[in-house]
């Protein structure tokens, strides 16, 4: 059951089984209700026919009880005495009276009167027995009959019946209850046949559902297995240039394969970037370390030749490079900026005021009447402004300017210089790590090539952007855009 195919097949089978069982029960109930309704109608028709004859004063012995085997009849009076039964009826249940032998009914004179039409007088003079109040015709109740289930033994054969009870009043004013039955054999046979067919077909249908679900799921998951095998091979070989197969279908599995390949592409780029980063960092660190070691070895052998300022400069450069690498590592690890509030106008003024050793004085322009507050880390944003100013000092001819102004729903900080500018084809590459343009490849003049990369990463972590454009008077214009404090 750990297989997706097995769970899918089992789930589909259970759902279909529950649906079929519910539908089958509903069909059986409806079928049984319809058949019982037909039996009720047959029993009611027979009962009303017999009740109609009794209401007209037909003697008991002359009442027509046709089709006695299929429709047995039992008639009882007000005292639940049996006064009339079908000839072949031997036993009955479900009518409230189990007797099948008619009891003699007393006449008005006290003698037995076997039928409602017989007045007990042997004289054939047409006298009605001297009862002038006796009505000439009885009546049949219009109320809905009472139905009940029972059994009847007709000519030694016992079967289930549906009985209808109809009341009738004879011309003598005697209230009789006619119980007429309709056989339930057809209903039971039909229900049994349908039930048997369902019980026989249900397992077969469930097997078909399970098999089809298994095959369809297996076919649907075949590309997933191909993706899994290829991913296992990529993991084992550590070859991130390989890609998983993408099916031609436009379903979720094809989307999974495309997403997997996009993830592999991003992972390959990340790993390659990390390899280049490690190689470039090692190369950048090796030069000041080698220079510093050489100076120390010369000083050890010849103390009078010690270049102390050069050693200090190499140490400072090494320290700055280590700090840059540490900040990049924290940014790559997903370090989030702090949740403080930074006023960019004051930040820029403070950074410029502390740069007392710059080659060119920096002009500061802060738009009047604005509060340029943003969310983020003051230290990281100060690092961005400082890196942009260092880059401008490195390439400027005679002027460096920084401005702070509103920019729609955000704040714009722009650092401009009057140098040669950045060629358009290089405006994205300069933000890559350890990238230095041809005129700034000297490690002494151009740095390690991490300042702009750090500045863009910090801007992105703060929800902003950092781009480079051509300044109005020539040179480069670096624009930092950050959203206002929310």
Protein backbone atom coordinates (compact mmCIF):
# COMPACT_ATOMS: atom_id res chain seq x y z
CA UNK A 1 0.00 0.00 0.00
CA UNK A 2 3.01 2.32 -0.13
CA UNK A 3 2.55 2.50 -3.90
CA UNK A 4 0.60 5.43 -5.29
CA UNK A 5 -0.90 3.09 -7.87
CA UNK A 6 -2.13 0.68 -5.20
CA UNK A 7 -3.62 3.48 -3.10
CA UNK A 8 -5.29 5.02 -6.14
CA UNK A 9 -6.74 1.67 -7.23
CA UNK A 10 -7.96 0.90 -3.74
CA UNK A 11 -9.46 4.35 -3.29
CA UNK A 12 -11.25 4.24 -6.64
CA UNK A 13 -12.54 0.74 -5.92
CA UNK A 14 -13.87 1.73 -2.51
CA UNK A 15 -15.58 4.82 -3.90
CA UNK A 16 -17.20 2.84 -6.72
CA UNK A 17 -18.19 0.09 -4.30
CA UNK A 18 -19.90 2.53 -1.96
CA UNK A 19 -21.64 4.23 -4.89
CA UNK A 20 -22.81 0.94 -6.40
CA UNK A 21 -24.01 -0.46 -3.08
CA UNK A 22 -25.94 2.74 -2.40
CA UNK A 23 -27.41 2.78 -5.90
CA UNK A 24 -28.25 -0.93 -5.68
CA UNK A 25 -30.05 -0.50 -2.38
CA UNK A 26 -31.99 2.44 -3.80
CA UNK A 27 -32.98 0.40 -6.88
CA UNK A 28 -34.09 -2.55 -4.75
CA UNK A 29 -36.12 -0.32 -2.46
CA UNK A 30 -37.81 1.44 -5.36
CA UNK A 31 -38.47 -1.85 -7.15
CA UNK A 32 -39.90 -3.45 -4.03
CA UNK A 33 -42.06 -0.40 -3.32
CA UNK A 34 -43.44 -0.44 -6.87
CA UNK A 35 -44.19 -4.17 -6.78
CA UNK A 36 -45.80 -3.90 -3.34
CA UNK A 37 -47.84 -0.99 -4.66
CA UNK A 38 -49.08 -3.18 -7.49
CA UNK A 39 -49.95 -5.95 -5.02
CA UNK A 40 -51.78 -3.42 -2.84
CA UNK A 41 -53.79 -2.30 -5.84
CA UNK A 42 -54.73 -5.87 -6.76
CA UNK A 43 -55.72 -6.70 -3.21
CA UNK A 44 -57.78 -3.50 -2.89
CA UNK A 45 -59.63 -4.19 -6.16
CA UNK A 46 -60.59 -7.71 -5.04
CA UNK A 47 -61.56 -6.51 -1.56
CA UNK A 48 -63.78 -3.75 -2.94
CA UNK A 49 -65.44 -6.14 -5.38
CA UNK A 50 -66.33 -8.55 -2.56
CA UNK A 51 -67.36 -5.66 -0.30
CA UNK A 52 -69.59 -4.33 -3.08
CA UNK A 53 -71.40 -7.65 -3.41
CA UNK A 54 -71.91 -7.84 0.35
CA UNK A 55 -73.20 -4.26 0.42
CA UNK A 56 -75.85 -5.15 -2.15
CA UNK A 57 -77.13 -7.94 0.12
CA UNK A 58 -75.68 -10.87 -1.77
CA UNK A 59 -75.86 -13.98 0.45
CA UNK A 60 -72.50 -15.26 1.69
CA UNK A 61 -72.82 -18.43 -0.25
CA UNK A 62 -73.45 -16.60 -3.49
CA UNK A 63 -70.53 -14.17 -3.25
CA UNK A 64 -68.21 -14.72 -6.21
CA UNK A 65 -64.66 -15.39 -5.04
CA UNK A 66 -62.86 -15.72 -8.34
CA UNK A 67 -59.19 -16.64 -8.56
CA UNK A 68 -59.08 -17.94 -5.01
CA UNK A 69 -55.51 -19.25 -5.34
CA UNK A 70 -54.07 -15.82 -6.17
CA UNK A 71 -56.49 -13.71 -4.14
CA UNK A 72 -57.70 -15.47 -0.97
CA UNK A 73 -60.54 -13.69 0.85
CA UNK A 74 -61.57 -13.64 4.49
CA UNK A 75 -64.60 -11.71 5.75
CA UNK A 76 -65.16 -10.91 9.43
CA UNK A 77 -67.96 -9.16 11.23
CA UNK A 78 -67.91 -6.53 13.95
CA UNK A 79 -67.03 -9.14 16.57
CA UNK A 80 -64.10 -10.46 14.49
CA UNK A 81 -66.00 -13.65 13.71
CA UNK A 82 -65.22 -15.19 10.34
CA UNK A 83 -68.35 -15.20 8.20
CA UNK A 84 -66.86 -15.96 4.79
CA UNK A 85 -63.58 -17.40 3.44
CA UNK A 86 -62.29 -18.69 0.18
CA UNK A 87 -62.98 -22.39 -0.32
CA UNK A 88 -59.33 -23.44 -0.66
CA UNK A 89 -58.04 -21.22 2.18
CA UNK A 90 -56.65 -23.45 4.94
CA UNK A 91 -54.75 -20.94 7.14
CA UNK A 92 -54.09 -17.24 7.19
CA UNK A 93 -52.00 -14.73 9.19
CA UNK A 94 -51.73 -10.96 9.04
CA UNK A 95 -55.47 -10.22 8.92
CA UNK A 96 -55.97 -10.02 12.67
CA UNK A 97 -58.09 -13.17 12.64
CA UNK A 98 -56.52 -16.53 11.92
CA UNK A 99 -59.77 -18.46 11.62
CA UNK A 100 -60.77 -19.96 8.27
CA UNK A 101 -64.05 -21.61 9.25
CA UNK A 102 -67.16 -19.43 8.92
CA UNK A 103 -69.09 -19.14 12.19
CA UNK A 104 -72.91 -19.16 12.21
CA UNK A 105 -74.35 -15.69 12.53
CA UNK A 106 -77.45 -15.36 14.74
CA UNK A 107 -80.59 -13.98 13.10
CA UNK A 108 -82.99 -11.56 14.72
CA UNK A 109 -85.06 -14.52 16.06
CA UNK A 110 -82.02 -16.16 17.58
CA UNK A 111 -81.49 -18.83 14.91
CA UNK A 112 -78.41 -19.01 12.73
CA UNK A 113 -78.56 -16.80 9.67
CA UNK A 114 -75.86 -17.91 7.18
CA UNK A 115 -76.09 -14.90 4.91
CA UNK A 116 -77.09 -11.29 4.95
CA UNK A 117 -79.77 -11.93 2.35
CA UNK A 118 -81.50 -14.80 4.20
CA UNK A 119 -84.09 -13.76 6.84
CA UNK A 120 -84.51 -17.28 8.29
CA UNK A 121 -88.17 -17.70 7.06
CA UNK A 122 -88.96 -20.76 4.91
CA UNK A 123 -92.08 -19.05 3.47
CA UNK A 124 -91.38 -17.60 0.06
CA UNK A 125 -93.77 -14.69 0.47
CA UNK A 126 -91.28 -11.90 -0.15
CA UNK A 127 -91.67 -10.59 3.41
CA UNK A 128 -88.56 -8.76 4.60
CA UNK A 129 -88.89 -10.11 8.18
CA UNK A 130 -91.14 -7.34 9.42
CA UNK A 131 -88.35 -4.77 9.81
CA UNK A 132 -89.55 -1.66 8.05
CA UNK A 133 -86.43 0.32 9.05
CA UNK A 134 -83.99 -1.98 7.22
CA UNK A 135 -82.38 -0.15 4.33
CA UNK A 136 -82.60 -1.67 0.88
CA UNK A 137 -78.83 -1.38 0.14
CA UNK A 138 -75.65 -1.18 2.20
CA UNK A 139 -72.49 0.72 1.39
CA UNK A 140 -68.73 0.29 0.93
CA UNK A 141 -66.36 2.51 2.90
CA UNK A 142 -64.58 5.14 0.82
CA UNK A 143 -61.69 5.33 3.26
CA UNK A 144 -58.28 4.08 2.18
CA UNK A 145 -57.94 0.42 2.99
CA UNK A 146 -55.56 -0.86 5.62
CA UNK A 147 -52.72 -2.94 4.24
CA UNK A 148 -50.79 -5.64 6.05
CA UNK A 149 -48.29 -8.40 5.31
CA UNK A 150 -49.16 -11.99 6.10
CA UNK A 151 -49.22 -15.55 4.88
CA UNK A 152 -51.96 -17.77 3.56
CA UNK A 153 -52.16 -21.52 2.96
CA UNK A 154 -54.21 -22.20 -0.15
CA UNK A 155 -54.69 -25.83 -1.11
CA UNK A 156 -51.70 -26.91 1.05
CA UNK A 157 -49.41 -24.23 -0.44
CA UNK A 158 -48.20 -21.51 1.93
CA UNK A 159 -47.01 -18.21 0.52
CA UNK A 160 -46.60 -14.57 1.47
CA UNK A 161 -49.44 -12.20 0.68
CA UNK A 162 -50.28 -8.54 0.89
CA UNK A 163 -53.74 -8.04 2.43
CA UNK A 164 -56.11 -5.12 1.95
CA UNK A 165 -58.90 -4.57 4.49
CA UNK A 166 -62.09 -2.81 3.25
CA UNK A 167 -65.17 -2.23 5.37
CA UNK A 168 -68.69 -2.76 4.00
CA UNK A 169 -72.12 -2.32 5.54
CA UNK A 170 -74.84 -4.82 4.55
CA UNK A 171 -78.45 -3.87 3.99
CA UNK A 172 -79.12 -5.34 7.47
CA UNK A 173 -76.75 -2.71 8.95
CA UNK A 174 -74.03 -5.25 9.74
CA UNK A 175 -70.50 -3.92 9.33
CA UNK A 176 -68.15 -6.45 7.72
CA UNK A 177 -64.42 -6.28 7.05
CA UNK A 178 -63.22 -7.85 3.83
CA UNK A 179 -59.58 -9.02 3.81
CA UNK A 180 -58.37 -9.77 0.29
CA UNK A 181 -54.82 -10.89 -0.46
CA UNK A 182 -52.48 -10.47 -3.38
CA UNK A 183 -49.44 -12.79 -3.70
CA UNK A 184 -45.94 -11.40 -3.15
CA UNK A 185 -44.20 -14.20 -5.01
CA UNK A 186 -43.63 -12.07 -8.11
CA UNK A 187 -42.25 -9.22 -6.02
CA UNK A 188 -39.94 -11.53 -4.11
CA UNK A 189 -38.79 -13.23 -7.28
CA UNK A 190 -38.10 -9.93 -9.05
CA UNK A 191 -36.26 -8.45 -6.08
CA UNK A 192 -34.30 -11.64 -5.60
CA UNK A 193 -33.35 -11.76 -9.27
CA UNK A 194 -32.17 -8.15 -9.27
CA UNK A 195 -30.31 -8.63 -5.98
CA UNK A 196 -28.61 -11.75 -7.29
CA UNK A 197 -27.57 -10.00 -10.47
CA UNK A 198 -26.14 -7.13 -8.46
CA UNK A 199 -24.24 -9.40 -6.09
CA UNK A 200 -22.85 -11.30 -9.06
CA UNK A 201 -21.91 -8.26 -11.10
CA UNK A 202 -20.57 -6.09 -8.28
CA UNK A 203 -17.31 -8.03 -7.69
CA UNK A 204 -16.68 -8.24 -11.43
CA UNK A 205 -17.26 -4.52 -11.87
CA UNK A 206 -15.03 -3.70 -8.90
CA UNK A 207 -12.26 -5.85 -10.34
CA UNK A 208 -12.59 -4.02 -13.65
CA UNK A 209 -12.46 -0.63 -11.87
CA UNK A 210 -9.41 -1.65 -9.85
CA UNK A 211 -7.62 -3.01 -12.93
CA UNK A 212 -8.39 0.01 -15.09
CA UNK A 213 -7.35 2.40 -12.32
CA UNK A 214 -4.11 0.47 -11.81
CA UNK A 215 -3.27 0.55 -15.52
CA UNK A 216 -4.23 4.20 -16.01
CA UNK A 217 -2.30 5.28 -12.92
CA UNK A 218 0.69 3.23 -14.00
CA UNK A 219 0.66 4.86 -17.42
CA UNK A 220 0.20 8.31 -15.90
CA UNK A 221 3.05 7.83 -13.42
CA UNK A 222 5.48 6.37 -15.93
CA UNK A 223 6.99 9.82 -16.69
CA UNK A 224 7.36 10.38 -12.95
CA UNK A 225 9.41 7.21 -12.71
CA UNK A 226 11.57 8.49 -15.57
CA UNK A 227 12.07 11.78 -13.72
CA UNK A 228 12.96 9.91 -10.53
CA UNK A 229 15.54 7.70 -12.27
CA UNK A 230 17.17 10.67 -13.98
CA UNK A 231 17.28 12.65 -10.72
CA UNK A 232 18.87 9.65 -9.00
CA UNK A 233 21.45 9.46 -11.79
CA UNK A 234 22.15 13.20 -11.53
CA UNK A 235 22.58 12.90 -7.77
CA UNK A 236 24.95 9.96 -8.14
CA UNK A 237 27.02 11.54 -10.92
CA UNK A 238 26.86 15.14 -9.56
CA UNK A 239 26.51 16.22 -13.19
CA UNK A 240 24.20 19.21 -13.03
CA UNK A 241 24.26 19.66 -16.81
CA UNK A 242 21.86 16.73 -17.23
CA UNK A 243 18.12 17.27 -17.39
CA UNK A 244 15.09 15.09 -16.72
CA UNK A 245 12.90 14.03 -19.67
CA UNK A 246 9.90 16.25 -20.35
CA UNK A 247 6.79 14.42 -21.64
CA UNK A 248 4.89 15.84 -24.61
CA UNK A 249 1.68 16.09 -22.61
CA UNK A 250 0.51 19.38 -21.17
CA UNK A 251 -0.51 18.02 -17.80
CA UNK A 252 0.81 18.40 -14.25
CA UNK A 253 3.57 15.85 -14.81
CA UNK A 254 4.93 17.83 -17.76
CA UNK A 255 4.82 20.94 -15.57
CA UNK A 256 6.68 19.02 -12.86
CA UNK A 257 9.38 18.02 -15.34
CA UNK A 258 9.76 21.60 -16.60
CA UNK A 259 9.94 22.93 -13.05
CA UNK A 260 12.50 20.27 -12.16
CA UNK A 261 14.66 21.25 -15.12
CA UNK A 262 14.34 24.93 -14.19
CA UNK A 263 15.42 24.04 -10.66
CA UNK A 264 18.39 22.09 -12.03
CA UNK A 265 19.32 25.06 -14.22
CA UNK A 266 19.17 27.43 -11.24
CA UNK A 267 21.11 24.95 -9.12
CA UNK A 268 23.75 24.56 -11.82
CA UNK A 269 24.09 28.34 -12.08
CA UNK A 270 24.28 28.66 -8.30
CA UNK A 271 26.94 25.97 -8.01
CA UNK A 272 28.91 27.49 -10.87
CA UNK A 273 28.62 30.91 -9.25
CA UNK A 274 29.82 29.49 -5.96
CA UNK A 275 32.77 27.81 -7.69
CA UNK A 276 33.74 31.04 -9.40
CA UNK A 277 33.26 32.89 -6.14
CA UNK A 278 35.55 30.52 -4.27
CA UNK A 279 38.14 30.62 -7.05
CA UNK A 280 38.04 34.41 -7.35
CA UNK A 281 38.09 34.86 -3.56
CA UNK A 282 41.07 32.55 -3.28
CA UNK A 283 42.82 34.45 -6.05
CA UNK A 284 42.07 37.83 -4.48
CA UNK A 285 43.17 36.68 -1.04
CA UNK A 286 46.33 35.07 -2.34
CA UNK A 287 47.81 38.32 -3.69
CA UNK A 288 47.76 40.42 -0.47
CA UNK A 289 48.70 37.42 1.63
CA UNK A 290 51.65 36.62 -0.69
CA UNK A 291 52.70 40.27 -0.72
CA UNK A 292 52.47 40.53 3.04
CA UNK A 293 54.43 37.30 3.52
CA UNK A 294 57.15 38.47 1.14
CA UNK A 295 57.52 41.74 3.01
CA UNK A 296 57.70 39.93 6.36
CA UNK A 297 60.30 37.45 5.07
CA UNK A 298 62.44 40.30 3.70
CA UNK A 299 62.07 42.16 6.99
CA UNK A 300 63.15 39.06 8.87
CA UNK A 301 66.28 38.72 6.76
CA UNK A 302 66.93 42.42 6.30
CA UNK A 303 65.13 44.52 8.91
CA UNK A 304 66.39 47.70 7.36
CA UNK A 305 64.44 46.90 4.16
CA UNK A 306 61.03 46.54 5.88
CA UNK A 307 58.29 48.39 3.95
CA UNK A 308 56.04 49.05 6.89
CA UNK A 309 53.51 51.27 5.05
CA UNK A 310 53.16 48.63 2.32
CA UNK A 311 52.58 45.89 4.90
CA UNK A 312 49.96 47.99 6.61
CA UNK A 313 48.27 48.70 3.26
CA UNK A 314 48.19 45.00 2.38
CA UNK A 315 46.79 44.18 5.81
CA UNK A 316 44.05 46.82 5.45
CA UNK A 317 43.20 45.54 2.00
CA UNK A 318 43.10 41.99 3.30
CA UNK A 319 40.85 43.05 6.15
CA UNK A 320 38.46 44.89 3.80
CA UNK A 321 38.34 41.91 1.44
CA UNK A 322 37.56 39.55 4.31
CA UNK A 323 34.78 41.86 5.50
CA UNK A 324 33.31 41.96 1.97
CA UNK A 325 33.39 38.18 1.68
CA UNK A 326 31.76 37.79 5.07
CA UNK A 327 28.95 40.19 4.12
CA UNK A 328 28.37 38.36 0.82
CA UNK A 329 28.20 35.06 2.68
CA UNK A 330 25.56 36.46 5.02
CA UNK A 331 23.56 37.82 2.10
CA UNK A 332 23.76 34.50 0.26
CA UNK A 333 22.54 32.77 3.40
CA UNK A 334 19.36 34.86 3.21
CA UNK A 335 20.07 37.36 5.97
CA UNK A 336 17.18 39.78 6.22
CA UNK A 337 17.72 43.49 6.87
CA UNK A 338 16.68 44.83 10.24
CA UNK A 339 13.26 46.31 10.80
CA UNK A 340 14.49 49.77 11.74
CA UNK A 341 13.76 53.11 10.09
CA UNK A 342 16.47 54.91 8.14
CA UNK A 343 16.28 58.53 6.95
CA UNK A 344 18.29 58.50 3.71
CA UNK A 345 18.91 62.24 3.58
CA UNK A 346 20.60 62.23 6.99
CA UNK A 347 22.40 58.99 6.15
CA UNK A 348 23.94 60.44 2.97
CA UNK A 349 25.03 63.65 4.74
CA UNK A 350 26.64 61.63 7.52
CA UNK A 351 28.49 59.33 5.11
CA UNK A 352 29.84 62.23 3.06
CA UNK A 353 30.94 64.14 6.17
CA UNK A 354 33.07 61.21 7.30
CA UNK A 355 34.94 60.91 3.97
CA UNK A 356 37.73 63.36 4.76
CA UNK A 357 40.34 61.62 2.63
CA UNK A 358 38.51 61.64 -0.70
CA UNK A 359 40.38 62.80 -3.78
CA UNK A 360 37.41 64.87 -4.93
CA UNK A 361 34.95 66.67 -2.68
CA UNK A 362 31.44 65.23 -2.87
CA UNK A 363 28.52 67.56 -3.55
CA UNK A 364 25.34 66.65 -1.66
CA UNK A 365 21.84 67.54 -2.88
CA UNK A 366 18.84 66.63 -0.69
CA UNK A 367 15.39 67.62 -1.91
CA UNK A 368 13.74 70.13 0.40
CA UNK A 369 10.53 69.43 2.29
CA UNK A 370 10.74 65.65 2.20
CA UNK A 371 11.16 62.93 4.79
CA UNK A 372 13.00 60.14 3.01
CA UNK A 373 12.44 57.31 5.46
CA UNK A 374 12.82 53.67 4.47
CA UNK A 375 12.74 50.35 6.32
CA UNK A 376 15.97 48.45 6.67
CA UNK A 377 19.43 48.18 8.13
CA UNK A 378 21.28 51.45 8.60
CA UNK A 379 24.65 49.73 8.46
CA UNK A 380 23.92 47.91 5.19
CA UNK A 381 22.46 50.99 3.49
CA UNK A 382 25.45 53.04 4.63
CA UNK A 383 27.64 50.35 3.04
CA UNK A 384 25.76 50.79 -0.26
CA UNK A 385 26.25 54.59 -0.26
CA UNK A 386 29.90 54.18 0.67
CA UNK A 387 30.57 51.64 -2.10
CA UNK A 388 28.90 53.87 -4.69
CA UNK A 389 30.95 56.86 -3.56
CA UNK A 390 34.17 54.76 -3.64
CA UNK A 391 33.38 53.72 -7.20
CA UNK A 392 32.67 57.32 -8.22
CA UNK A 393 35.94 58.54 -6.62
CA UNK A 394 37.82 55.87 -8.54
CA UNK A 395 36.48 56.90 -11.97
CA UNK A 396 35.64 60.63 -11.63
CA UNK A 397 37.62 63.30 -13.37
CA UNK A 398 36.82 66.43 -11.39
CA UNK A 399 33.41 66.06 -9.73
CA UNK A 400 31.31 63.62 -7.69
CA UNK A 401 27.74 64.40 -6.62
CA UNK A 402 25.08 62.53 -4.66
CA UNK A 403 21.39 63.49 -4.53
CA UNK A 404 18.39 62.29 -2.55
CA UNK A 405 14.88 62.90 -3.88
CA UNK A 406 11.38 61.44 -3.95
CA UNK A 407 10.67 58.97 -6.73
CA UNK A 408 6.97 58.18 -6.91
CA UNK A 409 6.14 55.98 -3.94
CA UNK A 410 9.82 55.50 -3.13
CA UNK A 411 13.11 57.31 -2.57
CA UNK A 412 15.92 57.72 -5.10
CA UNK A 413 19.58 58.11 -4.21
CA UNK A 414 21.75 58.95 -7.22
CA UNK A 415 25.56 59.05 -7.27
CA UNK A 416 27.10 60.78 -10.33
CA UNK A 417 30.62 61.29 -11.60
CA UNK A 418 32.16 62.94 -14.65
CA UNK A 419 34.31 60.01 -15.68
CA UNK A 420 34.15 57.96 -18.85
CA UNK A 421 30.91 56.25 -17.83
CA UNK A 422 29.99 52.61 -18.23
CA UNK A 423 29.50 51.14 -21.72
CA UNK A 424 25.91 50.03 -22.26
CA UNK A 425 26.90 46.41 -22.86
CA UNK A 426 28.72 46.32 -19.54
CA UNK A 427 25.98 47.88 -17.36
CA UNK A 428 24.81 44.56 -15.98
CA UNK A 429 28.12 42.75 -15.88
CA UNK A 430 29.72 45.30 -13.55
CA UNK A 431 27.35 44.15 -10.79
CA UNK A 432 28.77 40.62 -10.93
CA UNK A 433 31.25 39.60 -8.28
CA UNK A 434 34.97 40.13 -8.90
CA UNK A 435 34.26 41.91 -12.19
CA UNK A 436 36.50 44.85 -13.07
CA UNK A 437 36.42 46.72 -16.36
CA UNK A 438 39.57 46.99 -18.43
CA UNK A 439 40.49 50.46 -17.14
CA UNK A 440 40.17 49.33 -13.51
CA UNK A 441 41.90 45.96 -13.43
CA UNK A 442 44.66 47.12 -11.10
CA UNK A 443 43.99 45.65 -7.68
CA UNK A 444 45.45 48.75 -6.12
CA UNK A 445 43.17 51.11 -8.04
CA UNK A 446 40.18 48.99 -8.93
CA UNK A 447 39.63 47.03 -5.76
CA UNK A 448 38.47 43.43 -5.67
CA UNK A 449 35.35 43.97 -7.77
CA UNK A 450 32.92 43.29 -4.91
CA UNK A 451 31.64 46.76 -4.04
CA UNK A 452 28.94 47.04 -6.71
CA UNK A 453 27.89 43.40 -6.28
CA UNK A 454 27.41 43.98 -2.56
CA UNK A 455 25.50 47.22 -3.22
CA UNK A 456 23.01 45.52 -5.59
CA UNK A 457 22.50 42.53 -3.27
CA UNK A 458 21.77 44.83 -0.32
CA UNK A 459 19.37 46.90 -2.45
CA UNK A 460 17.51 43.75 -3.49
CA UNK A 461 17.28 42.56 0.14
CA UNK A 462 15.63 45.90 0.97
CA UNK A 463 13.07 45.55 -1.82
CA UNK A 464 14.79 48.10 -4.05
CA UNK A 465 16.88 48.26 -7.22
CA UNK A 466 20.30 49.53 -8.23
CA UNK A 467 20.97 50.45 -11.85
CA UNK A 468 23.55 52.45 -13.78
CA UNK A 469 22.86 55.07 -16.45
CA UNK A 470 24.71 57.79 -18.30
CA UNK A 471 24.83 61.05 -16.36
CA UNK A 472 23.49 64.22 -17.96
CA UNK A 473 26.95 65.79 -18.14
CA UNK A 474 28.70 62.53 -19.07
CA UNK A 475 30.08 59.89 -16.80
CA UNK A 476 28.09 57.33 -14.79
CA UNK A 477 24.95 57.78 -12.69
CA UNK A 478 24.14 54.98 -10.23
CA UNK A 479 20.49 55.11 -9.10
CA UNK A 480 19.37 53.39 -5.93
CA UNK A 481 15.56 53.16 -5.55
CA UNK A 482 14.02 52.03 -2.26
CA UNK A 483 10.35 51.89 -1.17
CA UNK A 484 9.26 54.38 1.45
CA UNK A 485 8.68 53.25 5.00
CA UNK A 486 5.31 51.50 5.31
